[in-house]
Amino acid sequence: MSAALAVDSRDLALELHDLLRDLDPVRWRADLDLERRLKEIQERLAWLLSTQVDAALAALNAQLAKLALLLTEIAPDTDKAGADLRKEWQVFRLKVQPQYEALAASLGELDVHVPSLRPTNSFRSIFHLISGLFVVALIELILPSSWLTPIAGTFAGMAWVFEISRRYSPAWNKALMWAFSAVAHPHEQHRVNSSTWYVTALLLLSLTGDITLCAVAAAVLAVADPSAAAIGRRYGSIKLVNGRSLQGTLTFAVTGTLAAWAVLELFDPALTGWHAPVLALFAAVPAAIAELYSRRVDDNFSIPMTAAAGLWIGLLLLG
């Protein structure tokens, strides 16, 4: 019974994920049959809550009950039309997203995975791009190579202090999420945030002592990740895995290759002819695959690490 309820709850969560994803402003359409989909989710919720559960699923059952109550309280007024109806659904989306992530966290504790929501956040995407390119400039133009590890270590240490401390204090966690609300995704309230994983990856890469690996890895993440997200959210009609799409993954591979190629051309003049674009592919394509399959590991860690590993293998093969 416990396993069956967990699976049924996963299916419910996936339906809710798809609904919230389609409510994203860049994907909004008037013909998405939203009212019917919401009603089906509510009916499935009512059935799940009528199921007797054992103590092992008490936390999951509590999240389902909270979700059911929330959906009842804030169901959009479908008598409205046009811009008013769209506003109703956007308010619904913003209020339900945190509860979806709480449900996803409860399922994760039972080793049942559902994808996190990554709603459109233009400010976060711009910040991601600018900060990543700034890191490339620091690595290649500003900092002596001997400074990379101490500086990356300082930022990684501070980030992990924040992560550990907010696990012991819900109030501190809430305060940090509020302070970084402009760039935070809803799921980061329950998981290690992406910036922490990013600076951890930079620290590990700095230990290689190879600034080319570090710079290319940072460039691929800075350019390809937000590009793939933007295209995937708007045009991602062909689903792959973990909430990703074929359109987004192809965008990642192309923009990641261009970003890596640019860094190699600008900062490694020893590379001639076709070597730079081929090495760029060695960095970007494995990183695109890592981004596609990142589930337990945050892609802000897996992408730069995989891009650096791919580039390293390419350098070995090309001599």
C-alpha atoms as a PDB file:
ATOM      1  CA  MET A   1       0.000   0.000   0.000  1.00  0.00           C
ATOM      2  CA  SER A   2       2.817   2.430   0.895  1.00  0.00           C
ATOM      3  CA  ALA A   3       4.663   1.887  -2.368  1.00  0.00           C
ATOM      4  CA  ALA A   4       1.451   2.199  -4.365  1.00  0.00           C
ATOM      5  CA  LEU A   5       0.507   5.458  -2.660  1.00  0.00           C
ATOM      6  CA  ALA A   6       3.975   6.890  -3.278  1.00  0.00           C
ATOM      7  CA  VAL A   7       3.710   6.031  -6.980  1.00  0.00           C
ATOM      8  CA  ASP A   8       0.200   7.471  -7.217  1.00  0.00           C
ATOM      9  CA  SER A   9       1.422  10.631  -5.472  1.00  0.00           C
ATOM     10  CA  ARG A  10       4.267  10.872  -7.977  1.00  0.00           C
ATOM     11  CA  ASP A  11       1.791  10.666 -10.858  1.00  0.00           C
ATOM     12  CA  LEU A  12      -0.297  13.394  -9.241  1.00  0.00           C
ATOM     13  CA  ALA A  13       2.793  15.556  -8.762  1.00  0.00           C
ATOM     14  CA  LEU A  14       3.755  15.110 -12.415  1.00  0.00           C
ATOM     15  CA  GLU A  15       0.285  16.238 -13.512  1.00  0.00           C
ATOM     16  CA  LEU A  16       0.568  19.290 -11.286  1.00  0.00           C
ATOM     17  CA  HIS A  17       4.091  19.972 -12.578  1.00  0.00           C
ATOM     18  CA  ASP A  18       2.840  19.964 -16.171  1.00  0.00           C
ATOM     19  CA  LEU A  19      -0.041  22.264 -15.265  1.00  0.00           C
ATOM     20  CA  LEU A  20       2.224  24.766 -13.510  1.00  0.00           C
ATOM     21  CA  ARG A  21       4.756  24.559 -16.337  1.00  0.00           C
ATOM     22  CA  ASP A  22       2.063  25.396 -18.891  1.00  0.00           C
ATOM     23  CA  LEU A  23       0.992  28.334 -16.731  1.00  0.00           C
ATOM     24  CA  ASP A  24       4.439  29.892 -17.077  1.00  0.00           C
ATOM     25  CA  PRO A  25       3.963  33.281 -18.782  1.00  0.00           C
ATOM     26  CA  VAL A  26       6.057  32.300 -21.800  1.00  0.00           C
ATOM     27  CA  ARG A  27       3.929  29.188 -22.415  1.00  0.00           C
ATOM     28  CA  TRP A  28       0.499  30.656 -21.685  1.00  0.00           C
ATOM     29  CA  ARG A  29      -2.253  29.895 -24.169  1.00  0.00           C
ATOM     30  CA  ALA A  30      -5.999  30.177 -23.819  1.00  0.00           C
ATOM     31  CA  ASP A  31      -6.583  26.645 -25.168  1.00  0.00           C
ATOM     32  CA  LEU A  32      -4.734  24.632 -22.515  1.00  0.00           C
ATOM     33  CA  ASP A  33      -7.931  23.212 -20.955  1.00  0.00           C
ATOM     34  CA  LEU A  34      -6.741  24.361 -17.538  1.00  0.00           C
ATOM     35  CA  GLU A  35     -10.036  24.074 -15.681  1.00  0.00           C
ATOM     36  CA  ARG A  36     -10.482  20.405 -16.613  1.00  0.00           C
ATOM     37  CA  ARG A  37      -6.886  19.559 -15.690  1.00  0.00           C
ATOM     38  CA  LEU A  38      -7.179  21.248 -12.309  1.00  0.00           C
ATOM     39  CA  LYS A  39     -10.431  19.404 -11.575  1.00  0.00           C
ATOM     40  CA  GLU A  40      -8.798  16.061 -12.400  1.00  0.00           C
ATOM     41  CA  ILE A  41      -5.909  16.859 -10.069  1.00  0.00           C
ATOM     42  CA  GLN A  42      -8.322  17.749  -7.275  1.00  0.00           C
ATOM     43  CA  GLU A  43     -10.264  14.518  -7.803  1.00  0.00           C
ATOM     44  CA  ARG A  44      -7.055  12.458  -7.710  1.00  0.00           C
ATOM     45  CA  LEU A  45      -6.021  14.290  -4.543  1.00  0.00           C
ATOM     46  CA  ALA A  46      -9.331  13.508  -2.861  1.00  0.00           C
ATOM     47  CA  TRP A  47      -8.911   9.826  -3.733  1.00  0.00           C
ATOM     48  CA  LEU A  48      -5.351   9.729  -2.392  1.00  0.00           C
ATOM     49  CA  LEU A  49      -6.375  11.368   0.868  1.00  0.00           C
ATOM     50  CA  SER A  50      -9.113   8.786   1.330  1.00  0.00           C
ATOM     51  CA  THR A  51      -6.481   6.028   1.257  1.00  0.00           C
ATOM     52  CA  GLN A  52      -5.325   4.685   4.601  1.00  0.00           C
ATOM     53  CA  VAL A  53      -1.574   5.234   5.026  1.00  0.00           C
ATOM     54  CA  ASP A  54       0.952   3.981   7.518  1.00  0.00           C
ATOM     55  CA  ALA A  55       3.222   6.112   9.685  1.00  0.00           C
ATOM     56  CA  ALA A  56       6.033   6.045   7.115  1.00  0.00           C
ATOM     57  CA  LEU A  57       3.915   8.169   4.785  1.00  0.00           C
ATOM     58  CA  ALA A  58       2.589  10.616   7.365  1.00  0.00           C
ATOM     59  CA  ALA A  59       4.731  13.492   6.046  1.00  0.00           C
ATOM     60  CA  LEU A  60       3.641  12.824   2.466  1.00  0.00           C
ATOM     61  CA  ASN A  61      -0.003  12.629   3.504  1.00  0.00           C
ATOM     62  CA  ALA A  62       0.332  15.963   5.316  1.00  0.00           C
ATOM     63  CA  GLN A  63       1.698  17.633   2.174  1.00  0.00           C
ATOM     64  CA  LEU A  64      -1.119  16.173   0.094  1.00  0.00           C
ATOM     65  CA  ALA A  65      -3.654  17.536   2.566  1.00  0.00           C
ATOM     66  CA  LYS A  66      -2.065  20.998   2.458  1.00  0.00           C
ATOM     67  CA  LEU A  67      -2.108  20.909  -1.333  1.00  0.00           C
ATOM     68  CA  ALA A  68      -5.770  19.884  -1.437  1.00  0.00           C
ATOM     69  CA  LEU A  69      -6.742  22.717   0.883  1.00  0.00           C
ATOM     70  CA  LEU A  70      -4.702  25.244  -1.094  1.00  0.00           C
ATOM     71  CA  LEU A  71      -6.178  24.209  -4.439  1.00  0.00           C
ATOM     72  CA  THR A  72      -9.665  24.615  -3.021  1.00  0.00           C
ATOM     73  CA  GLU A  73      -8.943  28.023  -1.515  1.00  0.00           C
ATOM     74  CA  ILE A  74      -7.300  29.629  -4.535  1.00  0.00           C
ATOM     75  CA  ALA A  75      -8.975  27.949  -7.498  1.00  0.00           C
ATOM     76  CA  PRO A  76      -9.235  30.583 -10.257  1.00  0.00           C
ATOM     77  CA  ASP A  77     -12.562  32.212 -11.004  1.00  0.00           C
ATOM     78  CA  THR A  78     -13.191  30.735 -14.447  1.00  0.00           C
ATOM     79  CA  ASP A  79     -16.143  33.033 -15.040  1.00  0.00           C
ATOM     80  CA  LYS A  80     -13.600  35.703 -15.873  1.00  0.00           C
ATOM     81  CA  ALA A  81     -12.121  36.011 -19.341  1.00  0.00           C
ATOM     82  CA  GLY A  82      -9.181  37.468 -21.232  1.00  0.00           C
ATOM     83  CA  ALA A  83      -6.568  39.325 -19.219  1.00  0.00           C
ATOM     84  CA  ASP A  84      -8.532  38.933 -15.981  1.00  0.00           C
ATOM     85  CA  LEU A  85      -8.617  35.146 -16.312  1.00  0.00           C
ATOM     86  CA  ARG A  86      -4.909  35.042 -17.152  1.00  0.00           C
ATOM     87  CA  LYS A  87      -4.181  37.096 -14.032  1.00  0.00           C
ATOM     88  CA  GLU A  88      -6.217  34.636 -11.946  1.00  0.00           C
ATOM     89  CA  TRP A  89      -4.170  31.707 -13.231  1.00  0.00           C
ATOM     90  CA  GLN A  90      -0.868  33.530 -12.657  1.00  0.00           C
ATOM     91  CA  VAL A  91      -1.791  34.205  -9.037  1.00  0.00           C
ATOM     92  CA  PHE A  92      -2.707  30.529  -8.757  1.00  0.00           C
ATOM     93  CA  ARG A  93       0.675  29.504 -10.197  1.00  0.00           C
ATOM     94  CA  LEU A  94       2.682  31.678  -7.823  1.00  0.00           C
ATOM     95  CA  LYS A  95       0.825  30.397  -4.760  1.00  0.00           C
ATOM     96  CA  VAL A  96       0.906  26.715  -5.706  1.00  0.00           C
ATOM     97  CA  GLN A  97       4.584  26.522  -6.757  1.00  0.00           C
ATOM     98  CA  PRO A  98       5.971  26.445  -3.169  1.00  0.00           C
ATOM     99  CA  GLN A  99       3.523  23.719  -2.154  1.00  0.00           C
ATOM    100  CA  TYR A 100       4.457  21.664  -5.206  1.00  0.00           C
ATOM    101  CA  GLU A 101       8.113  21.873  -4.174  1.00  0.00           C
ATOM    102  CA  ALA A 102       7.217  20.845  -0.618  1.00  0.00           C
ATOM    103  CA  LEU A 103       5.399  17.820  -2.045  1.00  0.00           C
ATOM    104  CA  ALA A 104       8.406  17.047  -4.264  1.00  0.00           C
ATOM    105  CA  ALA A 105      10.683  17.194  -1.207  1.00  0.00           C
ATOM    106  CA  SER A 106       8.444  14.745   0.683  1.00  0.00           C
ATOM    107  CA  LEU A 107       8.497  12.373  -2.270  1.00  0.00           C
ATOM    108  CA  GLY A 108      12.267  12.723  -2.477  1.00  0.00           C
ATOM    109  CA  GLU A 109      12.572  11.482   1.098  1.00  0.00           C
ATOM    110  CA  LEU A 110      10.829   8.309  -0.100  1.00  0.00           C
ATOM    111  CA  ASP A 111      13.268   8.030  -3.036  1.00  0.00           C
ATOM    112  CA  VAL A 112      10.551   9.038  -5.500  1.00  0.00           C
ATOM    113  CA  HIS A 113      11.716  11.715  -7.922  1.00  0.00           C
ATOM    114  CA  VAL A 114       9.677  14.399  -9.650  1.00  0.00           C
ATOM    115  CA  PRO A 115      11.263  17.349 -11.494  1.00  0.00           C
ATOM    116  CA  SER A 116      11.639  20.713  -9.816  1.00  0.00           C
ATOM    117  CA  LEU A 117       9.919  23.736 -11.263  1.00  0.00           C
ATOM    118  CA  ARG A 118      12.119  26.248 -13.002  1.00  0.00           C
ATOM    119  CA  PRO A 119       9.738  29.121 -13.763  1.00  0.00           C
ATOM    120  CA  THR A 120      10.748  31.955 -16.046  1.00  0.00           C
ATOM    121  CA  ASN A 121      12.904  34.410 -14.146  1.00  0.00           C
ATOM    122  CA  SER A 122      14.516  36.900 -16.501  1.00  0.00           C
ATOM    123  CA  PHE A 123      16.470  38.577 -13.731  1.00  0.00           C
ATOM    124  CA  ARG A 124      17.958  35.255 -12.654  1.00  0.00           C
ATOM    125  CA  SER A 125      18.888  34.390 -16.243  1.00  0.00           C
ATOM    126  CA  ILE A 126      20.609  37.746 -16.785  1.00  0.00           C
ATOM    127  CA  PHE A 127      22.381  37.458 -13.428  1.00  0.00           C
ATOM    128  CA  HIS A 128      23.456  33.916 -14.313  1.00  0.00           C
ATOM    129  CA  LEU A 129      24.914  35.051 -17.638  1.00  0.00           C
ATOM    130  CA  ILE A 130      26.678  38.175 -16.365  1.00  0.00           C
ATOM    131  CA  SER A 131      28.107  36.542 -13.247  1.00  0.00           C
ATOM    132  CA  GLY A 132      29.355  33.572 -15.280  1.00  0.00           C
ATOM    133  CA  LEU A 133      31.078  35.767 -17.845  1.00  0.00           C
ATOM    134  CA  PHE A 134      32.550  37.820 -14.998  1.00  0.00           C
ATOM    135  CA  VAL A 135      34.029  34.610 -13.588  1.00  0.00           C
ATOM    136  CA  VAL A 136      35.576  33.889 -17.001  1.00  0.00           C
ATOM    137  CA  ALA A 137      37.111  37.380 -16.998  1.00  0.00           C
ATOM    138  CA  LEU A 138      38.441  36.866 -13.472  1.00  0.00           C
ATOM    139  CA  ILE A 139      40.042  33.568 -14.453  1.00  0.00           C
ATOM    140  CA  GLU A 140      41.572  34.683 -17.734  1.00  0.00           C
ATOM    141  CA  LEU A 141      42.265  38.400 -17.305  1.00  0.00           C
ATOM    142  CA  ILE A 142      42.211  39.590 -13.723  1.00  0.00           C
ATOM    143  CA  LEU A 143      43.315  37.099 -11.067  1.00  0.00           C
ATOM    144  CA  PRO A 144      46.709  35.420 -10.868  1.00  0.00           C
ATOM    145  CA  SER A 145      46.188  31.688 -11.227  1.00  0.00           C
ATOM    146  CA  SER A 146      47.550  31.151  -7.713  1.00  0.00           C
ATOM    147  CA  TRP A 147      44.601  33.114  -6.298  1.00  0.00           C
ATOM    148  CA  LEU A 148      41.869  31.004  -7.862  1.00  0.00           C
ATOM    149  CA  THR A 149      41.758  28.258  -5.252  1.00  0.00           C
ATOM    150  CA  PRO A 150      41.868  30.549  -2.174  1.00  0.00           C
ATOM    151  CA  ILE A 151      39.118  32.808  -3.545  1.00  0.00           C
ATOM    152  CA  ALA A 152      36.931  29.939  -4.747  1.00  0.00           C
ATOM    153  CA  GLY A 153      37.495  28.193  -1.419  1.00  0.00           C
ATOM    154  CA  THR A 154      36.424  31.295   0.506  1.00  0.00           C
ATOM    155  CA  PHE A 155      33.173  31.633  -1.429  1.00  0.00           C
ATOM    156  CA  ALA A 156      32.462  27.890  -1.260  1.00  0.00           C
ATOM    157  CA  GLY A 157      33.093  27.884   2.498  1.00  0.00           C
ATOM    158  CA  MET A 158      30.740  30.810   3.054  1.00  0.00           C
ATOM    159  CA  ALA A 159      28.075  29.192   0.882  1.00  0.00           C
ATOM    160  CA  TRP A 160      28.178  25.916   2.797  1.00  0.00           C
ATOM    161  CA  VAL A 161      28.017  27.752   6.129  1.00  0.00           C
ATOM    162  CA  PHE A 162      24.797  29.368   4.918  1.00  0.00           C
ATOM    163  CA  GLU A 163      23.455  26.017   3.684  1.00  0.00           C
ATOM    164  CA  ILE A 164      24.159  24.155   6.910  1.00  0.00           C
ATOM    165  CA  SER A 165      22.905  26.932   9.173  1.00  0.00           C
ATOM    166  CA  ARG A 166      19.600  27.320   7.341  1.00  0.00           C
ATOM    167  CA  ARG A 167      18.881  23.590   7.782  1.00  0.00           C
ATOM    168  CA  TYR A 168      18.918  24.122  11.545  1.00  0.00           C
ATOM    169  CA  SER A 169      16.834  27.304  11.481  1.00  0.00           C
ATOM    170  CA  PRO A 170      13.622  27.534   9.450  1.00  0.00           C
ATOM    171  CA  ALA A 171      13.482  31.268  10.231  1.00  0.00           C
ATOM    172  CA  TRP A 172      16.999  31.779   8.830  1.00  0.00           C
ATOM    173  CA  ASN A 173      16.080  29.704   5.783  1.00  0.00           C
ATOM    174  CA  LYS A 174      12.999  31.852   5.228  1.00  0.00           C
ATOM    175  CA  ALA A 175      15.052  35.036   5.627  1.00  0.00           C
ATOM    176  CA  LEU A 176      17.650  33.886   3.091  1.00  0.00           C
ATOM    177  CA  MET A 177      14.982  32.856   0.594  1.00  0.00           C
ATOM    178  CA  TRP A 178      13.407  36.293   0.977  1.00  0.00           C
ATOM    179  CA  ALA A 179      16.764  38.072   0.586  1.00  0.00           C
ATOM    180  CA  PHE A 180      17.543  36.166  -2.612  1.00  0.00           C
ATOM    181  CA  SER A 181      13.968  35.918  -3.880  1.00  0.00           C
ATOM    182  CA  ALA A 182      14.867  37.783  -7.078  1.00  0.00           C
ATOM    183  CA  VAL A 183      17.172  34.963  -8.210  1.00  0.00           C
ATOM    184  CA  ALA A 184      15.977  31.918  -6.246  1.00  0.00           C
ATOM    185  CA  HIS A 185      13.893  29.068  -7.617  1.00  0.00           C
ATOM    186  CA  PRO A 186      11.093  27.701  -5.383  1.00  0.00           C
ATOM    187  CA  HIS A 187      12.770  24.302  -4.895  1.00  0.00           C
ATOM    188  CA  GLU A 188      15.856  25.913  -3.338  1.00  0.00           C
ATOM    189  CA  GLN A 189      13.923  26.393  -0.121  1.00  0.00           C
ATOM    190  CA  HIS A 190      14.189  22.623   0.361  1.00  0.00           C
ATOM    191  CA  ARG A 191      17.497  21.845  -1.354  1.00  0.00           C
ATOM    192  CA  VAL A 192      21.050  23.121  -1.563  1.00  0.00           C
ATOM    193  CA  ASN A 193      20.841  26.160  -3.826  1.00  0.00           C
ATOM    194  CA  SER A 194      22.446  26.293  -7.241  1.00  0.00           C
ATOM    195  CA  SER A 195      24.978  29.004  -6.355  1.00  0.00           C
ATOM    196  CA  THR A 196      26.456  26.786  -3.647  1.00  0.00           C
ATOM    197  CA  TRP A 197      26.919  23.956  -6.113  1.00  0.00           C
ATOM    198  CA  TYR A 198      28.411  26.364  -8.645  1.00  0.00           C
ATOM    199  CA  VAL A 199      31.110  27.758  -6.342  1.00  0.00           C
ATOM    200  CA  THR A 200      31.834  24.213  -5.147  1.00  0.00           C
ATOM    201  CA  ALA A 201      32.453  23.159  -8.746  1.00  0.00           C
ATOM    202  CA  LEU A 202      34.699  26.200  -9.279  1.00  0.00           C
ATOM    203  CA  LEU A 203      36.714  25.255  -6.205  1.00  0.00           C
ATOM    204  CA  LEU A 204      37.238  21.695  -7.418  1.00  0.00           C
ATOM    205  CA  LEU A 205      38.151  22.871 -10.914  1.00  0.00           C
ATOM    206  CA  SER A 206      40.622  25.399  -9.523  1.00  0.00           C
ATOM    207  CA  LEU A 207      42.496  22.526  -7.910  1.00  0.00           C
ATOM    208  CA  THR A 208      43.425  21.282 -11.387  1.00  0.00           C
ATOM    209  CA  GLY A 209      45.572  24.381 -11.868  1.00  0.00           C
ATOM    210  CA  ASP A 210      44.366  24.603 -15.470  1.00  0.00           C
ATOM    211  CA  ILE A 211      42.758  27.977 -16.138  1.00  0.00           C
ATOM    212  CA  THR A 212      41.539  26.885 -19.580  1.00  0.00           C
ATOM    213  CA  LEU A 213      39.460  24.092 -18.073  1.00  0.00           C
ATOM    214  CA  CYS A 214      38.051  26.491 -15.485  1.00  0.00           C
ATOM    215  CA  ALA A 215      37.237  29.262 -17.961  1.00  0.00           C
ATOM    216  CA  VAL A 216      35.601  26.998 -20.554  1.00  0.00           C
ATOM    217  CA  ALA A 217      33.521  25.260 -17.892  1.00  0.00           C
ATOM    218  CA  ALA A 218      32.314  28.613 -16.523  1.00  0.00           C
ATOM    219  CA  ALA A 219      31.530  29.909 -20.015  1.00  0.00           C
ATOM    220  CA  VAL A 220      29.492  26.842 -21.001  1.00  0.00           C
ATOM    221  CA  LEU A 221      27.398  27.103 -17.841  1.00  0.00           C
ATOM    222  CA  ALA A 222      26.989  30.886 -18.137  1.00  0.00           C
ATOM    223  CA  VAL A 223      25.755  30.880 -21.731  1.00  0.00           C
ATOM    224  CA  ALA A 224      24.235  27.484 -22.455  1.00  0.00           C
ATOM    225  CA  ASP A 225      22.189  26.898 -19.306  1.00  0.00           C
ATOM    226  CA  PRO A 226      19.995  30.044 -19.479  1.00  0.00           C
ATOM    227  CA  SER A 227      19.761  29.759 -23.275  1.00  0.00           C
ATOM    228  CA  ALA A 228      18.480  26.184 -23.046  1.00  0.00           C
ATOM    229  CA  ALA A 229      16.035  27.164 -20.315  1.00  0.00           C
ATOM    230  CA  ALA A 230      14.632  30.060 -22.337  1.00  0.00           C
ATOM    231  CA  ILE A 231      14.094  27.977 -25.475  1.00  0.00           C
ATOM    232  CA  GLY A 232      12.923  24.911 -23.577  1.00  0.00           C
ATOM    233  CA  ARG A 233      10.258  26.810 -21.649  1.00  0.00           C
ATOM    234  CA  ARG A 234       8.840  28.537 -24.701  1.00  0.00           C
ATOM    235  CA  TYR A 235       9.272  25.934 -27.435  1.00  0.00           C
ATOM    236  CA  GLY A 236       9.979  22.681 -25.573  1.00  0.00           C
ATOM    237  CA  SER A 237       7.255  20.543 -27.102  1.00  0.00           C
ATOM    238  CA  ILE A 238       9.310  17.329 -27.422  1.00  0.00           C
ATOM    239  CA  LYS A 239       9.841  16.059 -23.875  1.00  0.00           C
ATOM    240  CA  LEU A 240      12.899  14.034 -22.953  1.00  0.00           C
ATOM    241  CA  VAL A 241      13.634  13.366 -19.254  1.00  0.00           C
ATOM    242  CA  ASN A 242      13.651  15.263 -15.958  1.00  0.00           C
ATOM    243  CA  GLY A 243      11.475  18.060 -17.292  1.00  0.00           C
ATOM    244  CA  ARG A 244      13.857  18.809 -20.176  1.00  0.00           C
ATOM    245  CA  SER A 245      13.048  18.987 -23.869  1.00  0.00           C
ATOM    246  CA  LEU A 246      14.796  18.191 -27.140  1.00  0.00           C
ATOM    247  CA  GLN A 247      14.639  21.857 -28.170  1.00  0.00           C
ATOM    248  CA  GLY A 248      16.279  22.969 -24.940  1.00  0.00           C
ATOM    249  CA  THR A 249      18.996  20.313 -25.083  1.00  0.00           C
ATOM    250  CA  LEU A 250      19.903  21.141 -28.692  1.00  0.00           C
ATOM    251  CA  THR A 251      20.044  24.825 -27.776  1.00  0.00           C
ATOM    252  CA  PHE A 252      22.382  23.968 -24.923  1.00  0.00           C
ATOM    253  CA  ALA A 253      24.723  22.006 -27.192  1.00  0.00           C
ATOM    254  CA  VAL A 254      24.873  24.758 -29.819  1.00  0.00           C
ATOM    255  CA  THR A 255      25.274  27.761 -27.500  1.00  0.00           C
ATOM    256  CA  GLY A 256      27.652  25.847 -25.222  1.00  0.00           C
ATOM    257  CA  THR A 257      29.852  24.999 -28.208  1.00  0.00           C
ATOM    258  CA  LEU A 258      29.901  28.634 -29.325  1.00  0.00           C
ATOM    259  CA  ALA A 259      30.757  29.859 -25.816  1.00  0.00           C
ATOM    260  CA  ALA A 260      33.569  27.336 -25.392  1.00  0.00           C
ATOM    261  CA  TRP A 261      34.897  28.078 -28.877  1.00  0.00           C
ATOM    262  CA  ALA A 262      34.968  31.808 -28.131  1.00  0.00           C
ATOM    263  CA  VAL A 263      36.960  31.294 -24.925  1.00  0.00           C
ATOM    264  CA  LEU A 264      39.450  28.992 -26.646  1.00  0.00           C
ATOM    265  CA  GLU A 265      39.913  31.377 -29.577  1.00  0.00           C
ATOM    266  CA  LEU A 266      40.356  34.410 -27.336  1.00  0.00           C
ATOM    267  CA  PHE A 267      42.576  33.011 -24.632  1.00  0.00           C
ATOM    268  CA  ASP A 268      44.425  30.034 -26.101  1.00  0.00           C
ATOM    269  CA  PRO A 269      46.201  31.236 -29.251  1.00  0.00           C
ATOM    270  CA  ALA A 270      48.221  28.025 -29.415  1.00  0.00           C
ATOM    271  CA  LEU A 271      45.130  26.285 -30.756  1.00  0.00           C
ATOM    272  CA  THR A 272      44.992  26.552 -34.532  1.00  0.00           C
ATOM    273  CA  GLY A 273      42.689  25.549 -37.359  1.00  0.00           C
ATOM    274  CA  TRP A 274      39.933  23.147 -36.426  1.00  0.00           C
ATOM    275  CA  HIS A 275      41.243  22.331 -32.950  1.00  0.00           C
ATOM    276  CA  ALA A 276      39.289  25.043 -31.112  1.00  0.00           C
ATOM    277  CA  PRO A 277      35.817  24.177 -32.482  1.00  0.00           C
ATOM    278  CA  VAL A 278      36.392  20.452 -32.023  1.00  0.00           C
ATOM    279  CA  LEU A 279      37.518  20.968 -28.418  1.00  0.00           C
ATOM    280  CA  ALA A 280      34.491  23.183 -27.884  1.00  0.00           C
ATOM    281  CA  LEU A 281      32.277  20.277 -28.931  1.00  0.00           C
ATOM    282  CA  PHE A 282      34.130  18.000 -26.511  1.00  0.00           C
ATOM    283  CA  ALA A 283      33.204  20.423 -23.724  1.00  0.00           C
ATOM    284  CA  ALA A 284      29.636  21.331 -24.697  1.00  0.00           C
ATOM    285  CA  VAL A 285      28.101  18.041 -25.798  1.00  0.00           C
ATOM    286  CA  PRO A 286      28.879  16.062 -22.604  1.00  0.00           C
ATOM    287  CA  ALA A 287      27.714  19.069 -20.590  1.00  0.00           C
ATOM    288  CA  ALA A 288      24.406  19.067 -22.515  1.00  0.00           C
ATOM    289  CA  ILE A 289      23.961  15.387 -21.678  1.00  0.00           C
ATOM    290  CA  ALA A 290      24.818  16.069 -18.030  1.00  0.00           C
ATOM    291  CA  GLU A 291      22.241  18.868 -17.925  1.00  0.00           C
ATOM    292  CA  LEU A 292      19.637  16.557 -19.409  1.00  0.00           C
ATOM    293  CA  TYR A 293      20.156  13.794 -16.871  1.00  0.00           C
ATOM    294  CA  SER A 294      20.948  15.868 -13.781  1.00  0.00           C
ATOM    295  CA  ARG A 295      18.458  14.795 -11.182  1.00  0.00           C
ATOM    296  CA  ARG A 296      20.009  14.172  -7.798  1.00  0.00           C
ATOM    297  CA  VAL A 297      23.013  16.362  -8.633  1.00  0.00           C
ATOM    298  CA  ASP A 298      22.359  20.044  -9.349  1.00  0.00           C
ATOM    299  CA  ASP A 299      23.200  20.973 -12.937  1.00  0.00           C
ATOM    300  CA  ASN A 300      25.172  24.005 -11.740  1.00  0.00           C
ATOM    301  CA  PHE A 301      27.635  21.431 -10.446  1.00  0.00           C
ATOM    302  CA  SER A 302      27.354  18.722 -13.095  1.00  0.00           C
ATOM    303  CA  ILE A 303      27.569  21.070 -16.103  1.00  0.00           C
ATOM    304  CA  PRO A 304      30.925  22.765 -15.350  1.00  0.00           C
ATOM    305  CA  MET A 305      32.471  19.540 -14.064  1.00  0.00           C
ATOM    306  CA  THR A 306      31.379  17.598 -17.152  1.00  0.00           C
ATOM    307  CA  ALA A 307      32.386  20.390 -19.545  1.00  0.00           C
ATOM    308  CA  ALA A 308      35.865  20.467 -17.999  1.00  0.00           C
ATOM    309  CA  ALA A 309      36.144  16.672 -18.131  1.00  0.00           C
ATOM    310  CA  GLY A 310      35.072  16.612 -21.773  1.00  0.00           C
ATOM    311  CA  LEU A 311      37.582  19.313 -22.694  1.00  0.00           C
ATOM    312  CA  TRP A 312      40.340  17.469 -20.834  1.00  0.00           C
ATOM    313  CA  ILE A 313      39.579  14.273 -22.761  1.00  0.00           C
ATOM    314  CA  GLY A 314      39.561  16.233 -26.014  1.00  0.00           C
ATOM    315  CA  LEU A 315      42.951  17.750 -25.239  1.00  0.00           C
ATOM    316  CA  LEU A 316      44.356  14.299 -24.520  1.00  0.00           C
ATOM    317  CA  LEU A 317      43.002  12.872 -27.778  1.00  0.00           C
ATOM    318  CA  LEU A 318      44.217  15.796 -29.883  1.00  0.00           C
ATOM    319  CA  GLY A 319      47.588  15.914 -28.166  1.00  0.00           C
END
